[in-house]
């Protein structure tokens, strides 16, 4: 997905949240953001019965003392950038 955990894309998949401008990786032109919102509405119109969860969603809670929750700090590490871009989604049932 090439998206960070706080991105619109990941929030849409996990929480079915509508996109916000602050969830975009960079400033979007209004017409592009409008298309982004339309894509979200089309996705929601599918009314999928699946509720997705992320396998790494509580990674920090598992590897730490349990006080911290969330995705790993990074799954991708290069000379210029490090962050979480990789996900495994599943349905709890």
PDB file of N, CA and C in Angstrom:
ATOM      1  N   UNK A   1       0.815  -1.199   0.000  1.00  0.00           N
ATOM      2  CA  UNK A   1       0.000   0.000   0.000  1.00  0.00           C
ATOM      3  C   UNK A   1       0.854   1.257   0.000  1.00  0.00           C
ATOM      4  N   UNK A   2       2.116   1.112   0.408  1.00  0.00           N
ATOM      5  CA  UNK A   2       3.007   2.262   0.487  1.00  0.00           C
ATOM      6  C   UNK A   2       2.369   3.418   1.251  1.00  0.00           C
ATOM      7  N   UNK A   3       1.771   3.079   2.370  1.00  0.00           N
ATOM      8  CA  UNK A   3       1.091   4.070   3.205  1.00  0.00           C
ATOM      9  C   UNK A   3       1.486   3.861   4.657  1.00  0.00           C
ATOM     10  N   UNK A   4       1.637   4.957   5.370  1.00  0.00           N
ATOM     11  CA  UNK A   4       1.971   4.879   6.792  1.00  0.00           C
ATOM     12  C   UNK A   4       0.703   4.596   7.606  1.00  0.00           C
ATOM     13  N   UNK A   5       0.853   4.111   8.844  1.00  0.00           N
ATOM     14  CA  UNK A   5      -0.322   3.755   9.648  1.00  0.00           C
ATOM     15  C   UNK A   5      -1.324   4.888   9.863  1.00  0.00           C
ATOM     16  N   UNK A   6      -0.860   6.137   9.834  1.00  0.00           N
ATOM     17  CA  UNK A   6      -1.770   7.263  10.057  1.00  0.00           C
ATOM     18  C   UNK A   6      -2.360   7.805   8.749  1.00  0.00           C
ATOM     19  N   UNK A   7      -2.130   7.105   7.642  1.00  0.00           N
ATOM     20  CA  UNK A   7      -2.616   7.582   6.347  1.00  0.00           C
ATOM     21  C   UNK A   7      -4.110   7.289   6.167  1.00  0.00           C
ATOM     22  N   UNK A   8      -4.693   8.016   5.241  1.00  0.00           N
ATOM     23  CA  UNK A   8      -6.093   7.789   4.897  1.00  0.00           C
ATOM     24  C   UNK A   8      -6.330   6.360   4.446  1.00  0.00           C
ATOM     25  N   UNK A   9      -5.420   5.811   3.681  1.00  0.00           N
ATOM     26  CA  UNK A   9      -5.597   4.472   3.130  1.00  0.00           C
ATOM     27  C   UNK A   9      -5.728   3.428   4.226  1.00  0.00           C
ATOM     28  N   UNK A  10      -4.829   3.455   5.173  1.00  0.00           N
ATOM     29  CA  UNK A  10      -4.860   2.465   6.249  1.00  0.00           C
ATOM     30  C   UNK A  10      -6.055   2.699   7.164  1.00  0.00           C
ATOM     31  N   UNK A  11      -6.359   3.947   7.469  1.00  0.00           N
ATOM     32  CA  UNK A  11      -7.534   4.231   8.307  1.00  0.00           C
ATOM     33  C   UNK A  11      -8.813   3.786   7.621  1.00  0.00           C
ATOM     34  N   UNK A  12      -8.867   3.897   6.293  1.00  0.00           N
ATOM     35  CA  UNK A  12     -10.053   3.458   5.564  1.00  0.00           C
ATOM     36  C   UNK A  12     -10.204   1.940   5.674  1.00  0.00           C
ATOM     37  N   UNK A  13      -9.117   1.201   5.483  1.00  0.00           N
ATOM     38  CA  UNK A  13      -9.189  -0.249   5.540  1.00  0.00           C
ATOM     39  C   UNK A  13      -9.538  -0.759   6.929  1.00  0.00           C
ATOM     40  N   UNK A  14      -8.924  -0.188   7.957  1.00  0.00           N
ATOM     41  CA  UNK A  14      -9.100  -0.712   9.310  1.00  0.00           C
ATOM     42  C   UNK A  14     -10.311  -0.145  10.039  1.00  0.00           C
ATOM     43  N   UNK A  15     -10.593   1.124   9.848  1.00  0.00           N
ATOM     44  CA  UNK A  15     -11.647   1.779  10.632  1.00  0.00           C
ATOM     45  C   UNK A  15     -12.793   2.316   9.804  1.00  0.00           C
ATOM     46  N   UNK A  16     -12.690   2.182   8.496  1.00  0.00           N
ATOM     47  CA  UNK A  16     -13.680   2.715   7.567  1.00  0.00           C
ATOM     48  C   UNK A  16     -13.913   4.213   7.799  1.00  0.00           C
ATOM     49  N   UNK A  17     -12.817   4.914   8.079  1.00  0.00           N
ATOM     50  CA  UNK A  17     -12.874   6.360   8.298  1.00  0.00           C
ATOM     51  C   UNK A  17     -12.769   7.091   6.965  1.00  0.00           C
ATOM     52  N   UNK A  18     -13.513   8.164   6.811  1.00  0.00           N
ATOM     53  CA  UNK A  18     -13.382   8.958   5.582  1.00  0.00           C
ATOM     54  C   UNK A  18     -12.033   9.672   5.538  1.00  0.00           C
ATOM     55  N   UNK A  19     -11.550   9.962   4.339  1.00  0.00           N
ATOM     56  CA  UNK A  19     -10.250  10.634   4.226  1.00  0.00           C
ATOM     57  C   UNK A  19     -10.291  12.057   4.763  1.00  0.00           C
ATOM     58  N   UNK A  20      -9.155  12.490   5.286  1.00  0.00           N
ATOM     59  CA  UNK A  20      -8.983  13.866   5.734  1.00  0.00           C
ATOM     60  C   UNK A  20      -7.748  14.422   5.046  1.00  0.00           C
ATOM     61  N   UNK A  21      -7.701  15.728   4.906  1.00  0.00           N
ATOM     62  CA  UNK A  21      -6.549  16.332   4.242  1.00  0.00           C
ATOM     63  C   UNK A  21      -5.261  16.105   5.024  1.00  0.00           C
ATOM     64  N   UNK A  22      -5.349  16.055   6.359  1.00  0.00           N
ATOM     65  CA  UNK A  22      -4.129  15.821   7.137  1.00  0.00           C
ATOM     66  C   UNK A  22      -3.652  14.376   7.037  1.00  0.00           C
ATOM     67  N   UNK A  23      -4.476  13.478   6.537  1.00  0.00           N
ATOM     68  CA  UNK A  23      -4.071  12.096   6.325  1.00  0.00           C
ATOM     69  C   UNK A  23      -3.398  11.873   4.985  1.00  0.00           C
ATOM     70  N   UNK A  24      -3.284  12.923   4.191  1.00  0.00           N
ATOM     71  CA  UNK A  24      -2.626  12.838   2.890  1.00  0.00           C
ATOM     72  C   UNK A  24      -1.124  13.027   3.070  1.00  0.00           C
ATOM     73  N   UNK A  25      -0.317  12.333   2.271  1.00  0.00           N
ATOM     74  CA  UNK A  25       1.128  12.458   2.429  1.00  0.00           C
ATOM     75  C   UNK A  25       1.668  13.837   2.097  1.00  0.00           C
ATOM     76  N   UNK A  26       0.958  14.589   1.294  1.00  0.00           N
ATOM     77  CA  UNK A  26       1.369  15.944   0.949  1.00  0.00           C
ATOM     78  C   UNK A  26       0.123  16.733   0.576  1.00  0.00           C
ATOM     79  N   UNK A  27       0.260  18.015   0.440  1.00  0.00           N
ATOM     80  CA  UNK A  27      -0.885  18.848   0.090  1.00  0.00           C
ATOM     81  C   UNK A  27      -1.432  18.429  -1.267  1.00  0.00           C
ATOM     82  N   UNK A  28      -2.727  18.209  -1.312  1.00  0.00           N
ATOM     83  CA  UNK A  28      -3.375  17.797  -2.548  1.00  0.00           C
ATOM     84  C   UNK A  28      -4.180  18.952  -3.121  1.00  0.00           C
ATOM     85  N   UNK A  29      -4.215  19.001  -4.418  1.00  0.00           N
ATOM     86  CA  UNK A  29      -5.088  19.970  -5.078  1.00  0.00           C
ATOM     87  C   UNK A  29      -6.531  19.606  -4.733  1.00  0.00           C
ATOM     88  N   UNK A  30      -7.399  20.601  -4.578  1.00  0.00           N
ATOM     89  CA  UNK A  30      -8.786  20.318  -4.180  1.00  0.00           C
ATOM     90  C   UNK A  30      -9.484  19.297  -5.075  1.00  0.00           C
ATOM     91  N   UNK A  31      -9.264  19.348  -6.381  1.00  0.00           N
ATOM     92  CA  UNK A  31      -9.936  18.402  -7.278  1.00  0.00           C
ATOM     93  C   UNK A  31      -9.407  16.976  -7.085  1.00  0.00           C
ATOM     94  N   UNK A  32      -8.139  16.836  -6.738  1.00  0.00           N
ATOM     95  CA  UNK A  32      -7.587  15.519  -6.482  1.00  0.00           C
ATOM     96  C   UNK A  32      -8.122  14.962  -5.161  1.00  0.00           C
ATOM     97  N   UNK A  33      -8.204  15.814  -4.141  1.00  0.00           N
ATOM     98  CA  UNK A  33      -8.752  15.360  -2.861  1.00  0.00           C
ATOM     99  C   UNK A  33     -10.225  14.992  -3.033  1.00  0.00           C
ATOM    100  N   UNK A  34     -10.947  15.720  -3.871  1.00  0.00           N
ATOM    101  CA  UNK A  34     -12.362  15.402  -4.141  1.00  0.00           C
ATOM    102  C   UNK A  34     -12.472  13.995  -4.729  1.00  0.00           C
ATOM    103  N   UNK A  35     -11.584  13.653  -5.648  1.00  0.00           N
ATOM    104  CA  UNK A  35     -11.591  12.315  -6.242  1.00  0.00           C
ATOM    105  C   UNK A  35     -11.229  11.265  -5.191  1.00  0.00           C
ATOM    106  N   UNK A  36     -10.351  11.617  -4.298  1.00  0.00           N
ATOM    107  CA  UNK A  36      -9.968  10.716  -3.214  1.00  0.00           C
ATOM    108  C   UNK A  36     -11.179  10.401  -2.339  1.00  0.00           C
ATOM    109  N   UNK A  37     -11.959  11.413  -2.014  1.00  0.00           N
ATOM    110  CA  UNK A  37     -13.167  11.211  -1.214  1.00  0.00           C
ATOM    111  C   UNK A  37     -14.193  10.383  -1.973  1.00  0.00           C
ATOM    112  N   UNK A  38     -14.301  10.596  -3.274  1.00  0.00           N
ATOM    113  CA  UNK A  38     -15.230   9.810  -4.086  1.00  0.00           C
ATOM    114  C   UNK A  38     -14.830   8.333  -4.089  1.00  0.00           C
ATOM    115  N   UNK A  39     -13.535   8.077  -4.138  1.00  0.00           N
ATOM    116  CA  UNK A  39     -13.047   6.697  -4.095  1.00  0.00           C
ATOM    117  C   UNK A  39     -13.436   6.046  -2.774  1.00  0.00           C
ATOM    118  N   UNK A  40     -13.313   6.787  -1.684  1.00  0.00           N
ATOM    119  CA  UNK A  40     -13.722   6.284  -0.370  1.00  0.00           C
ATOM    120  C   UNK A  40     -15.210   5.948  -0.378  1.00  0.00           C
ATOM    121  N   UNK A  41     -16.027   6.831  -0.913  1.00  0.00           N
ATOM    122  CA  UNK A  41     -17.479   6.596  -0.948  1.00  0.00           C
ATOM    123  C   UNK A  41     -17.814   5.366  -1.788  1.00  0.00           C
ATOM    124  N   UNK A  42     -17.091   5.163  -2.889  1.00  0.00           N
ATOM    125  CA  UNK A  42     -17.302   3.972  -3.716  1.00  0.00           C
ATOM    126  C   UNK A  42     -16.898   2.716  -2.938  1.00  0.00           C
ATOM    127  N   UNK A  43     -15.801   2.806  -2.199  1.00  0.00           N
ATOM    128  CA  UNK A  43     -15.357   1.689  -1.376  1.00  0.00           C
ATOM    129  C   UNK A  43     -16.415   1.350  -0.327  1.00  0.00           C
ATOM    130  N   UNK A  44     -16.952   2.353   0.332  1.00  0.00           N
ATOM    131  CA  UNK A  44     -17.959   2.131   1.368  1.00  0.00           C
ATOM    132  C   UNK A  44     -19.258   1.593   0.781  1.00  0.00           C
ATOM    133  N   UNK A  45     -19.554   1.947  -0.472  1.00  0.00           N
ATOM    134  CA  UNK A  45     -20.774   1.456  -1.116  1.00  0.00           C
ATOM    135  C   UNK A  45     -20.732  -0.052  -1.341  1.00  0.00           C
ATOM    136  N   UNK A  46     -19.537  -0.628  -1.339  1.00  0.00           N
ATOM    137  CA  UNK A  46     -19.424  -2.080  -1.506  1.00  0.00           C
ATOM    138  C   UNK A  46     -20.038  -2.832  -0.330  1.00  0.00           C
ATOM    139  N   UNK A  47     -20.104  -2.166   0.821  1.00  0.00           N
ATOM    140  CA  UNK A  47     -20.664  -2.746   2.043  1.00  0.00           C
ATOM    141  C   UNK A  47     -20.102  -4.142   2.323  1.00  0.00           C
ATOM    142  N   UNK A  48     -18.805  -4.212   2.335  1.00  0.00           N
ATOM    143  CA  UNK A  48     -18.141  -5.480   2.588  1.00  0.00           C
ATOM    144  C   UNK A  48     -18.490  -6.002   3.979  1.00  0.00           C
ATOM    145  N   UNK A  49     -18.786  -7.297   4.083  1.00  0.00           N
ATOM    146  CA  UNK A  49     -19.076  -7.868   5.401  1.00  0.00           C
ATOM    147  C   UNK A  49     -17.806  -8.115   6.221  1.00  0.00           C
ATOM    148  N   UNK A  50     -16.649  -7.908   5.599  1.00  0.00           N
ATOM    149  CA  UNK A  50     -15.389  -8.192   6.272  1.00  0.00           C
ATOM    150  C   UNK A  50     -14.918  -6.998   7.095  1.00  0.00           C
ATOM    151  N   UNK A  51     -14.579  -7.280   8.315  1.00  0.00           N
ATOM    152  CA  UNK A  51     -13.950  -6.288   9.184  1.00  0.00           C
ATOM    153  C   UNK A  51     -12.488  -6.682   9.263  1.00  0.00           C
ATOM    154  N   UNK A  52     -11.628  -5.836   8.706  1.00  0.00           N
ATOM    155  CA  UNK A  52     -10.211  -6.160   8.657  1.00  0.00           C
ATOM    156  C   UNK A  52      -9.484  -5.688   9.916  1.00  0.00           C
ATOM    157  N   UNK A  53      -8.502  -6.461  10.306  1.00  0.00           N
ATOM    158  CA  UNK A  53      -7.597  -6.073  11.374  1.00  0.00           C
ATOM    159  C   UNK A  53      -6.177  -6.229  10.850  1.00  0.00           C
ATOM    160  N   UNK A  54      -5.247  -5.548  11.495  1.00  0.00           N
ATOM    161  CA  UNK A  54      -3.846  -5.588  11.070  1.00  0.00           C
ATOM    162  C   UNK A  54      -3.047  -6.478  12.017  1.00  0.00           C
ATOM    163  N   UNK A  55      -2.321  -7.411  11.442  1.00  0.00           N
ATOM    164  CA  UNK A  55      -1.523  -8.327  12.261  1.00  0.00           C
ATOM    165  C   UNK A  55      -0.488  -7.585  13.104  1.00  0.00           C
ATOM    166  N   UNK A  56       0.044  -6.493  12.593  1.00  0.00           N
ATOM    167  CA  UNK A  56       1.040  -5.713  13.325  1.00  0.00           C
ATOM    168  C   UNK A  56       0.409  -4.585  14.145  1.00  0.00           C
ATOM    169  N   UNK A  57      -0.903  -4.526  14.201  1.00  0.00           N
ATOM    170  CA  UNK A  57      -1.593  -3.407  14.841  1.00  0.00           C
ATOM    171  C   UNK A  57      -1.241  -3.176  16.292  1.00  0.00           C
ATOM    172  N   UNK A  58      -0.887  -4.219  17.017  1.00  0.00           N
ATOM    173  CA  UNK A  58      -0.494  -4.068  18.416  1.00  0.00           C
ATOM    174  C   UNK A  58       0.932  -4.566  18.634  1.00  0.00           C
ATOM    175  N   UNK A  59       1.733  -4.421  17.622  1.00  0.00           N
ATOM    176  CA  UNK A  59       3.125  -4.891  17.674  1.00  0.00           C
ATOM    177  C   UNK A  59       3.865  -4.348  18.895  1.00  0.00           C
ATOM    178  N   UNK A  60       3.763  -3.060  19.131  1.00  0.00           N
ATOM    179  CA  UNK A  60       4.501  -2.453  20.242  1.00  0.00           C
ATOM    180  C   UNK A  60       4.029  -3.000  21.583  1.00  0.00           C
ATOM    181  N   UNK A  61       2.741  -3.303  21.706  1.00  0.00           N
ATOM    182  CA  UNK A  61       2.230  -3.868  22.944  1.00  0.00           C
ATOM    183  C   UNK A  61       2.748  -5.270  23.206  1.00  0.00           C
ATOM    184  N   UNK A  62       3.082  -5.984  22.130  1.00  0.00           N
ATOM    185  CA  UNK A  62       3.583  -7.346  22.266  1.00  0.00           C
ATOM    186  C   UNK A  62       5.070  -7.356  22.619  1.00  0.00           C
ATOM    187  N   UNK A  63       5.852  -6.496  21.980  1.00  0.00           N
ATOM    188  CA  UNK A  63       7.303  -6.529  22.185  1.00  0.00           C
ATOM    189  C   UNK A  63       7.781  -5.633  23.325  1.00  0.00           C
ATOM    190  N   UNK A  64       6.911  -4.790  23.869  1.00  0.00           N
ATOM    191  CA  UNK A  64       7.322  -3.909  24.972  1.00  0.00           C
ATOM    192  C   UNK A  64       6.712  -4.419  26.275  1.00  0.00           C
ATOM    193  N   UNK A  65       6.670  -3.551  27.247  1.00  0.00           N
ATOM    194  CA  UNK A  65       6.093  -3.938  28.537  1.00  0.00           C
ATOM    195  C   UNK A  65       4.573  -3.853  28.545  1.00  0.00           C
ATOM    196  N   UNK A  66       3.971  -3.653  27.368  1.00  0.00           N
ATOM    197  CA  UNK A  66       2.516  -3.638  27.263  1.00  0.00           C
ATOM    198  C   UNK A  66       1.875  -2.281  27.443  1.00  0.00           C
ATOM    199  N   UNK A  67       2.663  -1.275  27.795  1.00  0.00           N
ATOM    200  CA  UNK A  67       2.087   0.060  27.991  1.00  0.00           C
ATOM    201  C   UNK A  67       1.921   0.805  26.679  1.00  0.00           C
ATOM    202  N   UNK A  68       2.630   0.373  25.665  1.00  0.00           N
ATOM    203  CA  UNK A  68       2.589   1.059  24.386  1.00  0.00           C
ATOM    204  C   UNK A  68       1.877   0.158  23.376  1.00  0.00           C
ATOM    205  N   UNK A  69       1.092   0.767  22.488  1.00  0.00           N
ATOM    206  CA  UNK A  69       0.416  -0.014  21.460  1.00  0.00           C
ATOM    207  C   UNK A  69       0.718   0.586  20.098  1.00  0.00           C
ATOM    208  N   UNK A  70       0.463  -0.162  19.072  1.00  0.00           N
ATOM    209  CA  UNK A  70       0.586   0.364  17.728  1.00  0.00           C
ATOM    210  C   UNK A  70       1.526  -0.418  16.837  1.00  0.00           C
ATOM    211  N   UNK A  71       1.665   0.083  15.631  1.00  0.00           N
ATOM    212  CA  UNK A  71       2.490  -0.528  14.603  1.00  0.00           C
ATOM    213  C   UNK A  71       3.969  -0.365  14.930  1.00  0.00           C
ATOM    214  N   UNK A  72       4.817  -1.197  14.322  1.00  0.00           N
ATOM    215  CA  UNK A  72       6.259  -1.021  14.523  1.00  0.00           C
ATOM    216  C   UNK A  72       6.711   0.350  14.023  1.00  0.00           C
ATOM    217  N   UNK A  73       7.829   0.818  14.529  1.00  0.00           N
ATOM    218  CA  UNK A  73       8.363   2.109  14.081  1.00  0.00           C
ATOM    219  C   UNK A  73       8.715   2.060  12.606  1.00  0.00           C
ATOM    220  N   UNK A  74       9.151   0.918  12.141  1.00  0.00           N
ATOM    221  CA  UNK A  74       9.467   0.793  10.719  1.00  0.00           C
ATOM    222  C   UNK A  74       9.421  -0.663  10.265  1.00  0.00           C
ATOM    223  N   UNK A  75       9.021  -0.842   9.019  1.00  0.00           N
ATOM    224  CA  UNK A  75       9.141  -2.118   8.310  1.00  0.00           C
ATOM    225  C   UNK A  75       9.967  -1.893   7.054  1.00  0.00           C
ATOM    226  N   UNK A  76      10.291  -0.653   6.794  1.00  0.00           N
ATOM    227  CA  UNK A  76      11.086  -0.258   5.636  1.00  0.00           C
ATOM    228  C   UNK A  76      12.147   0.711   6.132  1.00  0.00           C
ATOM    229  N   UNK A  77      13.394   0.410   5.818  1.00  0.00           N
ATOM    230  CA  UNK A  77      14.499   1.240   6.296  1.00  0.00           C
ATOM    231  C   UNK A  77      15.465   1.447   5.148  1.00  0.00           C
ATOM    232  N   UNK A  78      15.576   2.690   4.717  1.00  0.00           N
ATOM    233  CA  UNK A  78      16.534   3.009   3.665  1.00  0.00           C
ATOM    234  C   UNK A  78      17.376   4.181   4.151  1.00  0.00           C
ATOM    235  N   UNK A  79      18.347   4.572   3.352  1.00  0.00           N
ATOM    236  CA  UNK A  79      19.212   5.673   3.747  1.00  0.00           C
ATOM    237  C   UNK A  79      18.476   6.976   3.933  1.00  0.00           C
ATOM    238  N   UNK A  80      17.407   7.170   3.203  1.00  0.00           N
ATOM    239  CA  UNK A  80      16.672   8.443   3.255  1.00  0.00           C
ATOM    240  C   UNK A  80      15.433   8.414   4.146  1.00  0.00           C
ATOM    241  N   UNK A  81      14.877   7.228   4.377  1.00  0.00           N
ATOM    242  CA  UNK A  81      13.585   7.175   5.061  1.00  0.00           C
ATOM    243  C   UNK A  81      13.429   5.858   5.804  1.00  0.00           C
ATOM    244  N   UNK A  82      12.740   5.899   6.938  1.00  0.00           N
ATOM    245  CA  UNK A  82      12.323   4.674   7.607  1.00  0.00           C
ATOM    246  C   UNK A  82      10.917   4.885   8.150  1.00  0.00           C
ATOM    247  N   UNK A  83      10.121   3.853   8.067  1.00  0.00           N
ATOM    248  CA  UNK A  83       8.748   3.923   8.539  1.00  0.00           C
ATOM    249  C   UNK A  83       8.016   2.632   8.222  1.00  0.00           C
ATOM    250  N   UNK A  84       6.781   2.543   8.663  1.00  0.00           N
ATOM    251  CA  UNK A  84       5.970   1.360   8.422  1.00  0.00           C
ATOM    252  C   UNK A  84       5.208   1.512   7.119  1.00  0.00           C
ATOM    253  N   UNK A  85       5.431   0.570   6.219  1.00  0.00           N
ATOM    254  CA  UNK A  85       4.731   0.540   4.931  1.00  0.00           C
ATOM    255  C   UNK A  85       4.123  -0.830   4.650  1.00  0.00           C
ATOM    256  N   UNK A  86       4.507  -1.828   5.397  1.00  0.00           N
ATOM    257  CA  UNK A  86       4.079  -3.201   5.126  1.00  0.00           C
ATOM    258  C   UNK A  86       3.024  -3.645   6.128  1.00  0.00           C
ATOM    259  N   UNK A  87       2.033  -4.357   5.645  1.00  0.00           N
ATOM    260  CA  UNK A  87       0.902  -4.769   6.473  1.00  0.00           C
ATOM    261  C   UNK A  87       0.474  -6.175   6.122  1.00  0.00           C
ATOM    262  N   UNK A  88      -0.074  -6.852   7.102  1.00  0.00           N
ATOM    263  CA  UNK A  88      -0.787  -8.108   6.894  1.00  0.00           C
ATOM    264  C   UNK A  88      -2.173  -7.875   7.482  1.00  0.00           C
ATOM    265  N   UNK A  89      -3.187  -7.920   6.645  1.00  0.00           N
ATOM    266  CA  UNK A  89      -4.563  -7.751   7.105  1.00  0.00           C
ATOM    267  C   UNK A  89      -5.228  -9.120   7.199  1.00  0.00           C
ATOM    268  N   UNK A  90      -6.132  -9.247   8.133  1.00  0.00           N
ATOM    269  CA  UNK A  90      -6.876 -10.490   8.283  1.00  0.00           C
ATOM    270  C   UNK A  90      -8.271 -10.184   8.820  1.00  0.00           C
ATOM    271  N   UNK A  91      -9.142 -11.155   8.715  1.00  0.00           N
ATOM    272  CA  UNK A  91     -10.459 -11.029   9.316  1.00  0.00           C
ATOM    273  C   UNK A  91     -10.451 -11.870  10.596  1.00  0.00           C
ATOM    274  N   UNK A  92     -10.942 -11.334  11.697  1.00  0.00           N
ATOM    275  CA  UNK A  92     -10.849 -12.048  12.962  1.00  0.00           C
ATOM    276  C   UNK A  92     -11.661 -13.347  13.014  1.00  0.00           C
ATOM    277  N   UNK A  93     -12.628 -13.486  12.137  1.00  0.00           N
ATOM    278  CA  UNK A  93     -13.420 -14.719  12.143  1.00  0.00           C
ATOM    279  C   UNK A  93     -12.727 -15.722  11.281  1.00  0.00           C
TER     280      UNK A  93
END
